[in-house]
Amino acid sequence: NPFNPTTTIPVAIPRESRIRLEVYNVLGQLVATLHDGNISPGRHFFAWDGKNTQGATLSSGVYFSRLSVNGGVTLVGKMNLIK
């Protein structure tokens, strides 16, 4: 799923949950936190603009989204940022 300049990460939650959605680089370093808190049941969409938490534009490469639900279940997705 190559993207430039933004991508959308869909999240479907069956019940109210506390989630943490983060983006990591290939070295395993956290580069951005897209959401950290409670969300209602249903389908939600989170946009990532290819920037880190300080607002700096990141270089092209592979990044991973990591979704943690209620501190337990963890799902990982792969993204390709192409400039």
PDB file of N, CA and C in Angstrom:
ATOM      1  N   ASN A   1       0.815  -1.191   0.000  1.00  0.00           N
ATOM      2  CA  ASN A   1       0.000   0.000   0.000  1.00  0.00           C
ATOM      3  C   ASN A   1       0.864   1.263   0.000  1.00  0.00           C
ATOM      4  N   PRO A   2       1.597   1.523  -1.045  1.00  0.00           N
ATOM      5  CA  PRO A   2       2.411   2.737  -1.072  1.00  0.00           C
ATOM      6  C   PRO A   2       1.533   3.984  -0.941  1.00  0.00           C
ATOM      7  N   PHE A   3       2.035   4.980  -0.235  1.00  0.00           N
ATOM      8  CA  PHE A   3       1.268   6.207  -0.095  1.00  0.00           C
ATOM      9  C   PHE A   3       2.184   7.418  -0.155  1.00  0.00           C
ATOM     10  N   ASN A   4       1.593   8.520  -0.546  1.00  0.00           N
ATOM     11  CA  ASN A   4       2.252   9.816  -0.557  1.00  0.00           C
ATOM     12  C   ASN A   4       1.162  10.848  -0.807  1.00  0.00           C
ATOM     13  N   PRO A   5       0.882  11.777   0.005  1.00  0.00           N
ATOM     14  CA  PRO A   5       1.557  12.137   1.250  1.00  0.00           C
ATOM     15  C   PRO A   5       0.873  11.605   2.507  1.00  0.00           C
ATOM     16  N   THR A   6      -0.359  11.063   2.403  1.00  0.00           N
ATOM     17  CA  THR A   6      -1.039  10.556   3.602  1.00  0.00           C
ATOM     18  C   THR A   6      -1.629   9.177   3.344  1.00  0.00           C
ATOM     19  N   THR A   7      -1.908   8.490   4.430  1.00  0.00           N
ATOM     20  CA  THR A   7      -2.601   7.209   4.357  1.00  0.00           C
ATOM     21  C   THR A   7      -3.624   7.158   5.477  1.00  0.00           C
ATOM     22  N   THR A   8      -4.636   6.329   5.302  1.00  0.00           N
ATOM     23  CA  THR A   8      -5.673   6.174   6.306  1.00  0.00           C
ATOM     24  C   THR A   8      -5.622   4.753   6.856  1.00  0.00           C
ATOM     25  N   ILE A   9      -5.657   4.651   8.174  1.00  0.00           N
ATOM     26  CA  ILE A   9      -5.615   3.352   8.838  1.00  0.00           C
ATOM     27  C   ILE A   9      -6.999   3.089   9.422  1.00  0.00           C
ATOM     28  N   PRO A  10      -7.740   2.105   8.871  1.00  0.00           N
ATOM     29  CA  PRO A  10      -9.071   1.797   9.402  1.00  0.00           C
ATOM     30  C   PRO A  10      -8.967   0.903  10.642  1.00  0.00           C
ATOM     31  N   VAL A  11      -9.833   1.161  11.609  1.00  0.00           N
ATOM     32  CA  VAL A  11      -9.864   0.374  12.841  1.00  0.00           C
ATOM     33  C   VAL A  11     -11.322   0.054  13.150  1.00  0.00           C
ATOM     34  N   ALA A  12     -11.644  -1.229  13.338  1.00  0.00           N
ATOM     35  CA  ALA A  12     -12.994  -1.646  13.711  1.00  0.00           C
ATOM     36  C   ALA A  12     -12.946  -2.210  15.132  1.00  0.00           C
ATOM     37  N   ILE A  13     -13.747  -1.629  16.013  1.00  0.00           N
ATOM     38  CA  ILE A  13     -13.757  -2.017  17.423  1.00  0.00           C
ATOM     39  C   ILE A  13     -15.170  -2.491  17.780  1.00  0.00           C
ATOM     40  N   PRO A  14     -15.316  -3.712  18.328  1.00  0.00           N
ATOM     41  CA  PRO A  14     -16.651  -4.245  18.619  1.00  0.00           C
ATOM     42  C   PRO A  14     -17.310  -3.644  19.862  1.00  0.00           C
ATOM     43  N   ARG A  15     -16.517  -3.123  20.793  1.00  0.00           N
ATOM     44  CA  ARG A  15     -17.070  -2.534  22.018  1.00  0.00           C
ATOM     45  C   ARG A  15     -16.167  -1.399  22.461  1.00  0.00           C
ATOM     46  N   GLU A  16     -16.676  -0.539  23.323  1.00  0.00           N
ATOM     47  CA  GLU A  16     -15.855   0.570  23.798  1.00  0.00           C
ATOM     48  C   GLU A  16     -14.550   0.018  24.351  1.00  0.00           C
ATOM     49  N   SER A  17     -13.454   0.595  23.921  1.00  0.00           N
ATOM     50  CA  SER A  17     -12.135   0.079  24.278  1.00  0.00           C
ATOM     51  C   SER A  17     -11.134   1.220  24.394  1.00  0.00           C
ATOM     52  N   ARG A  18     -10.081   0.937  25.114  1.00  0.00           N
ATOM     53  CA  ARG A  18      -8.942   1.850  25.139  1.00  0.00           C
ATOM     54  C   ARG A  18      -7.956   1.331  24.099  1.00  0.00           C
ATOM     55  N   ILE A  19      -7.606   2.198  23.157  1.00  0.00           N
ATOM     56  CA  ILE A  19      -6.669   1.780  22.115  1.00  0.00           C
ATOM     57  C   ILE A  19      -5.468   2.710  22.088  1.00  0.00           C
ATOM     58  N   ARG A  20      -4.402   2.175  21.549  1.00  0.00           N
ATOM     59  CA  ARG A  20      -3.195   2.962  21.274  1.00  0.00           C
ATOM     60  C   ARG A  20      -2.766   2.582  19.868  1.00  0.00           C
ATOM     61  N   LEU A  21      -2.721   3.575  18.978  1.00  0.00           N
ATOM     62  CA  LEU A  21      -2.325   3.354  17.592  1.00  0.00           C
ATOM     63  C   LEU A  21      -1.036   4.126  17.352  1.00  0.00           C
ATOM     64  N   GLU A  22       0.023   3.389  17.042  1.00  0.00           N
ATOM     65  CA  GLU A  22       1.352   3.976  16.910  1.00  0.00           C
ATOM     66  C   GLU A  22       1.967   3.605  15.563  1.00  0.00           C
ATOM     67  N   VAL A  23       2.954   4.398  15.151  1.00  0.00           N
ATOM     68  CA  VAL A  23       3.700   4.125  13.924  1.00  0.00           C
ATOM     69  C   VAL A  23       5.173   3.968  14.298  1.00  0.00           C
ATOM     70  N   TYR A  24       5.793   2.909  13.777  1.00  0.00           N
ATOM     71  CA  TYR A  24       7.200   2.604  14.040  1.00  0.00           C
ATOM     72  C   TYR A  24       7.971   2.537  12.723  1.00  0.00           C
ATOM     73  N   ASN A  25       9.263   2.826  12.791  1.00  0.00           N
ATOM     74  CA  ASN A  25      10.113   2.647  11.619  1.00  0.00           C
ATOM     75  C   ASN A  25      10.672   1.221  11.613  1.00  0.00           C
ATOM     76  N   VAL A  26      11.468   0.868  10.608  1.00  0.00           N
ATOM     77  CA  VAL A  26      11.985  -0.504  10.491  1.00  0.00           C
ATOM     78  C   VAL A  26      12.984  -0.854  11.596  1.00  0.00           C
ATOM     79  N   LEU A  27      13.496   0.143  12.303  1.00  0.00           N
ATOM     80  CA  LEU A  27      14.414  -0.113  13.419  1.00  0.00           C
ATOM     81  C   LEU A  27      13.654  -0.354  14.719  1.00  0.00           C
ATOM     82  N   GLY A  28      12.315  -0.273  14.651  1.00  0.00           N
ATOM     83  CA  GLY A  28      11.500  -0.489  15.837  1.00  0.00           C
ATOM     84  C   GLY A  28      11.355   0.749  16.701  1.00  0.00           C
ATOM     85  N   GLN A  29      11.717   1.905  16.160  1.00  0.00           N
ATOM     86  CA  GLN A  29      11.610   3.155  16.907  1.00  0.00           C
ATOM     87  C   GLN A  29      10.235   3.774  16.694  1.00  0.00           C
ATOM     88  N   LEU A  30       9.617   4.205  17.781  1.00  0.00           N
ATOM     89  CA  LEU A  30       8.326   4.878  17.698  1.00  0.00           C
ATOM     90  C   LEU A  30       8.514   6.221  17.007  1.00  0.00           C
ATOM     91  N   VAL A  31       7.747   6.481  15.949  1.00  0.00           N
ATOM     92  CA  VAL A  31       7.856   7.759  15.252  1.00  0.00           C
ATOM     93  C   VAL A  31       6.608   8.627  15.424  1.00  0.00           C
ATOM     94  N   ALA A  32       5.450   8.017  15.689  1.00  0.00           N
ATOM     95  CA  ALA A  32       4.228   8.797  15.866  1.00  0.00           C
ATOM     96  C   ALA A  32       3.192   8.000  16.651  1.00  0.00           C
ATOM     97  N   THR A  33       2.416   8.702  17.443  1.00  0.00           N
ATOM     98  CA  THR A  33       1.261   8.115  18.113  1.00  0.00           C
ATOM     99  C   THR A  33       0.031   8.791  17.529  1.00  0.00           C
ATOM    100  N   LEU A  34      -0.828   8.001  16.879  1.00  0.00           N
ATOM    101  CA  LEU A  34      -2.002   8.552  16.208  1.00  0.00           C
ATOM    102  C   LEU A  34      -3.205   8.650  17.126  1.00  0.00           C
ATOM    103  N   HIS A  35      -3.286   7.761  18.109  1.00  0.00           N
ATOM    104  CA  HIS A  35      -4.385   7.811  19.082  1.00  0.00           C
ATOM    105  C   HIS A  35      -3.977   7.057  20.330  1.00  0.00           C
ATOM    106  N   ASP A  36      -4.351   7.606  21.476  1.00  0.00           N
ATOM    107  CA  ASP A  36      -4.116   6.938  22.756  1.00  0.00           C
ATOM    108  C   ASP A  36      -5.255   7.329  23.684  1.00  0.00           C
ATOM    109  N   GLY A  37      -6.262   6.464  23.741  1.00  0.00           N
ATOM    110  CA  GLY A  37      -7.416   6.765  24.575  1.00  0.00           C
ATOM    111  C   GLY A  37      -8.586   5.866  24.237  1.00  0.00           C
ATOM    112  N   ASN A  38      -9.728   6.182  24.804  1.00  0.00           N
ATOM    113  CA  ASN A  38     -10.939   5.389  24.592  1.00  0.00           C
ATOM    114  C   ASN A  38     -11.603   5.767  23.282  1.00  0.00           C
ATOM    115  N   ILE A  39     -12.200   4.766  22.638  1.00  0.00           N
ATOM    116  CA  ILE A  39     -13.034   5.016  21.464  1.00  0.00           C
ATOM    117  C   ILE A  39     -14.297   4.180  21.585  1.00  0.00           C
ATOM    118  N   SER A  40     -15.333   4.646  20.927  1.00  0.00           N
ATOM    119  CA  SER A  40     -16.619   3.962  20.941  1.00  0.00           C
ATOM    120  C   SER A  40     -16.603   2.789  19.960  1.00  0.00           C
ATOM    121  N   PRO A  41     -17.566   1.876  20.101  1.00  0.00           N
ATOM    122  CA  PRO A  41     -17.634   0.759  19.153  1.00  0.00           C
ATOM    123  C   PRO A  41     -17.900   1.274  17.739  1.00  0.00           C
ATOM    124  N   GLY A  42     -17.406   0.529  16.767  1.00  0.00           N
ATOM    125  CA  GLY A  42     -17.651   0.888  15.376  1.00  0.00           C
ATOM    126  C   GLY A  42     -16.367   0.979  14.587  1.00  0.00           C
ATOM    127  N   ARG A  43     -16.512   1.554  13.406  1.00  0.00           N
ATOM    128  CA  ARG A  43     -15.384   1.691  12.482  1.00  0.00           C
ATOM    129  C   ARG A  43     -14.842   3.116  12.577  1.00  0.00           C
ATOM    130  N   HIS A  44     -13.532   3.226  12.731  1.00  0.00           N
ATOM    131  CA  HIS A  44     -12.868   4.521  12.860  1.00  0.00           C
ATOM    132  C   HIS A  44     -11.730   4.589  11.844  1.00  0.00           C
ATOM    133  N   PHE A  45     -11.377   5.800  11.439  1.00  0.00           N
ATOM    134  CA  PHE A  45     -10.325   5.999  10.450  1.00  0.00           C
ATOM    135  C   PHE A  45      -9.324   7.010  10.996  1.00  0.00           C
ATOM    136  N   PHE A  46      -8.056   6.641  10.964  1.00  0.00           N
ATOM    137  CA  PHE A  46      -6.990   7.498  11.468  1.00  0.00           C
ATOM    138  C   PHE A  46      -6.035   7.810  10.322  1.00  0.00           C
ATOM    139  N   ALA A  47      -5.766   9.084  10.120  1.00  0.00           N
ATOM    140  CA  ALA A  47      -4.873   9.506   9.040  1.00  0.00           C
ATOM    141  C   ALA A  47      -3.459   9.694   9.577  1.00  0.00           C
ATOM    142  N   TRP A  48      -2.489   9.292   8.768  1.00  0.00           N
ATOM    143  CA  TRP A  48      -1.083   9.560   9.073  1.00  0.00           C
ATOM    144  C   TRP A  48      -0.474  10.267   7.881  1.00  0.00           C
ATOM    145  N   ASP A  49       0.180  11.387   8.149  1.00  0.00           N
ATOM    146  CA  ASP A  49       0.713  12.237   7.090  1.00  0.00           C
ATOM    147  C   ASP A  49       2.203  12.039   6.824  1.00  0.00           C
ATOM    148  N   GLY A  50       2.787  10.985   7.338  1.00  0.00           N
ATOM    149  CA  GLY A  50       4.201  10.714   7.085  1.00  0.00           C
ATOM    150  C   GLY A  50       5.135  11.574   7.910  1.00  0.00           C
ATOM    151  N   LYS A  51       4.607  12.150   9.006  1.00  0.00           N
ATOM    152  CA  LYS A  51       5.430  12.992   9.875  1.00  0.00           C
ATOM    153  C   LYS A  51       5.584  12.339  11.247  1.00  0.00           C
ATOM    154  N   ASN A  52       6.655  12.697  11.926  1.00  0.00           N
ATOM    155  CA  ASN A  52       6.855  12.173  13.272  1.00  0.00           C
ATOM    156  C   ASN A  52       6.131  13.053  14.287  1.00  0.00           C
ATOM    157  N   THR A  53       6.267  12.734  15.557  1.00  0.00           N
ATOM    158  CA  THR A  53       5.552  13.470  16.601  1.00  0.00           C
ATOM    159  C   THR A  53       5.993  14.925  16.704  1.00  0.00           C
ATOM    160  N   GLN A  54       7.177  15.241  16.238  1.00  0.00           N
ATOM    161  CA  GLN A  54       7.650  16.622  16.268  1.00  0.00           C
ATOM    162  C   GLN A  54       7.222  17.402  15.018  1.00  0.00           C
ATOM    163  N   GLY A  55       6.550  16.736  14.085  1.00  0.00           N
ATOM    164  CA  GLY A  55       6.070  17.391  12.870  1.00  0.00           C
ATOM    165  C   GLY A  55       7.046  17.361  11.710  1.00  0.00           C
ATOM    166  N   ALA A  56       8.169  16.669  11.880  1.00  0.00           N
ATOM    167  CA  ALA A  56       9.149  16.565  10.798  1.00  0.00           C
ATOM    168  C   ALA A  56       8.715  15.493   9.796  1.00  0.00           C
ATOM    169  N   THR A  57       8.874  15.789   8.516  1.00  0.00           N
ATOM    170  CA  THR A  57       8.536  14.834   7.465  1.00  0.00           C
ATOM    171  C   THR A  57       9.572  13.712   7.455  1.00  0.00           C
ATOM    172  N   LEU A  58       9.084  12.484   7.452  1.00  0.00           N
ATOM    173  CA  LEU A  58       9.975  11.321   7.460  1.00  0.00           C
ATOM    174  C   LEU A  58      10.380  10.933   6.043  1.00  0.00           C
ATOM    175  N   SER A  59      11.477  10.209   5.941  1.00  0.00           N
ATOM    176  CA  SER A  59      11.975   9.790   4.637  1.00  0.00           C
ATOM    177  C   SER A  59      11.164   8.608   4.099  1.00  0.00           C
ATOM    178  N   SER A  60      11.314   8.367   2.816  1.00  0.00           N
ATOM    179  CA  SER A  60      10.664   7.213   2.193  1.00  0.00           C
ATOM    180  C   SER A  60      11.146   5.943   2.869  1.00  0.00           C
ATOM    181  N   GLY A  61      10.277   4.962   2.924  1.00  0.00           N
ATOM    182  CA  GLY A  61      10.662   3.693   3.514  1.00  0.00           C
ATOM    183  C   GLY A  61       9.474   2.921   4.034  1.00  0.00           C
ATOM    184  N   VAL A  62       9.761   1.864   4.764  1.00  0.00           N
ATOM    185  CA  VAL A  62       8.738   0.988   5.328  1.00  0.00           C
ATOM    186  C   VAL A  62       8.474   1.409   6.771  1.00  0.00           C
ATOM    187  N   TYR A  63       7.197   1.501   7.115  1.00  0.00           N
ATOM    188  CA  TYR A  63       6.770   1.835   8.467  1.00  0.00           C
ATOM    189  C   TYR A  63       5.699   0.833   8.884  1.00  0.00           C
ATOM    190  N   PHE A  64       5.516   0.694  10.184  1.00  0.00           N
ATOM    191  CA  PHE A  64       4.552  -0.264  10.711  1.00  0.00           C
ATOM    192  C   PHE A  64       3.575   0.435  11.649  1.00  0.00           C
ATOM    193  N   SER A  65       2.287   0.148  11.459  1.00  0.00           N
ATOM    194  CA  SER A  65       1.286   0.631  12.405  1.00  0.00           C
ATOM    195  C   SER A  65       1.070  -0.474  13.429  1.00  0.00           C
ATOM    196  N   ARG A  66       0.924  -0.069  14.675  1.00  0.00           N
ATOM    197  CA  ARG A  66       0.706  -1.040  15.755  1.00  0.00           C
ATOM    198  C   ARG A  66      -0.508  -0.596  16.553  1.00  0.00           C
ATOM    199  N   LEU A  67      -1.529  -1.437  16.588  1.00  0.00           N
ATOM    200  CA  LEU A  67      -2.758  -1.163  17.314  1.00  0.00           C
ATOM    201  C   LEU A  67      -2.812  -2.067  18.536  1.00  0.00           C
ATOM    202  N   SER A  68      -2.862  -1.472  19.716  1.00  0.00           N
ATOM    203  CA  SER A  68      -3.021  -2.224  20.966  1.00  0.00           C
ATOM    204  C   SER A  68      -4.402  -1.911  21.517  1.00  0.00           C
ATOM    205  N   VAL A  69      -5.156  -2.952  21.865  1.00  0.00           N
ATOM    206  CA  VAL A  69      -6.512  -2.785  22.372  1.00  0.00           C
ATOM    207  C   VAL A  69      -6.559  -3.256  23.823  1.00  0.00           C
ATOM    208  N   ASN A  70      -7.004  -2.362  24.697  1.00  0.00           N
ATOM    209  CA  ASN A  70      -7.115  -2.648  26.129  1.00  0.00           C
ATOM    210  C   ASN A  70      -5.822  -3.212  26.713  1.00  0.00           C
ATOM    211  N   GLY A  71      -4.696  -2.779  26.189  1.00  0.00           N
ATOM    212  CA  GLY A  71      -3.402  -3.202  26.707  1.00  0.00           C
ATOM    213  C   GLY A  71      -3.045  -4.640  26.402  1.00  0.00           C
ATOM    214  N   GLY A  72      -3.863  -5.332  25.606  1.00  0.00           N
ATOM    215  CA  GLY A  72      -3.612  -6.737  25.334  1.00  0.00           C
ATOM    216  C   GLY A  72      -3.420  -7.043  23.867  1.00  0.00           C
ATOM    217  N   VAL A  73      -4.510  -7.196  23.147  1.00  0.00           N
ATOM    218  CA  VAL A  73      -4.477  -7.582  21.741  1.00  0.00           C
ATOM    219  C   VAL A  73      -3.673  -6.556  20.948  1.00  0.00           C
ATOM    220  N   THR A  74      -2.746  -7.037  20.134  1.00  0.00           N
ATOM    221  CA  THR A  74      -1.927  -6.150  19.316  1.00  0.00           C
ATOM    222  C   THR A  74      -1.974  -6.601  17.864  1.00  0.00           C
ATOM    223  N   LEU A  75      -2.244  -5.653  16.966  1.00  0.00           N
ATOM    224  CA  LEU A  75      -2.263  -5.917  15.530  1.00  0.00           C
ATOM    225  C   LEU A  75      -1.238  -5.013  14.866  1.00  0.00           C
ATOM    226  N   VAL A  76      -0.507  -5.553  13.893  1.00  0.00           N
ATOM    227  CA  VAL A  76       0.525  -4.791  13.205  1.00  0.00           C
ATOM    228  C   VAL A  76       0.244  -4.781  11.706  1.00  0.00           C
ATOM    229  N   GLY A  77       0.407  -3.619  11.089  1.00  0.00           N
ATOM    230  CA  GLY A  77       0.253  -3.479   9.646  1.00  0.00           C
ATOM    231  C   GLY A  77       1.485  -2.813   9.041  1.00  0.00           C
ATOM    232  N   LYS A  78       1.748  -3.068   7.788  1.00  0.00           N
ATOM    233  CA  LYS A  78       2.920  -2.541   7.101  1.00  0.00           C
ATOM    234  C   LYS A  78       2.495  -1.445   6.124  1.00  0.00           C
ATOM    235  N   MET A  79       3.288  -0.353   6.061  1.00  0.00           N
ATOM    236  CA  MET A  79       3.011   0.757   5.152  1.00  0.00           C
ATOM    237  C   MET A  79       4.287   1.138   4.428  1.00  0.00           C
ATOM    238  N   ASN A  80       4.164   1.554   3.182  1.00  0.00           N
ATOM    239  CA  ASN A  80       5.321   2.009   2.400  1.00  0.00           C
ATOM    240  C   ASN A  80       5.132   3.485   2.074  1.00  0.00           C
ATOM    241  N   LEU A  81       5.990   4.319   2.625  1.00  0.00           N
ATOM    242  CA  LEU A  81       5.971   5.744   2.329  1.00  0.00           C
ATOM    243  C   LEU A  81       6.883   5.990   1.134  1.00  0.00           C
ATOM    244  N   ILE A  82       6.310   6.521   0.051  1.00  0.00           N
ATOM    245  CA  ILE A  82       7.055   6.757  -1.181  1.00  0.00           C
ATOM    246  C   ILE A  82       6.976   8.244  -1.497  1.00  0.00           C
ATOM    247  N   LYS A  83       8.114   8.831  -1.756  1.00  0.00           N
ATOM    248  CA  LYS A  83       8.118  10.273  -2.108  1.00  0.00           C
ATOM    249  C   LYS A  83       8.564  10.450  -3.531  1.00  0.00           C
TER     250      LYS A  83
END
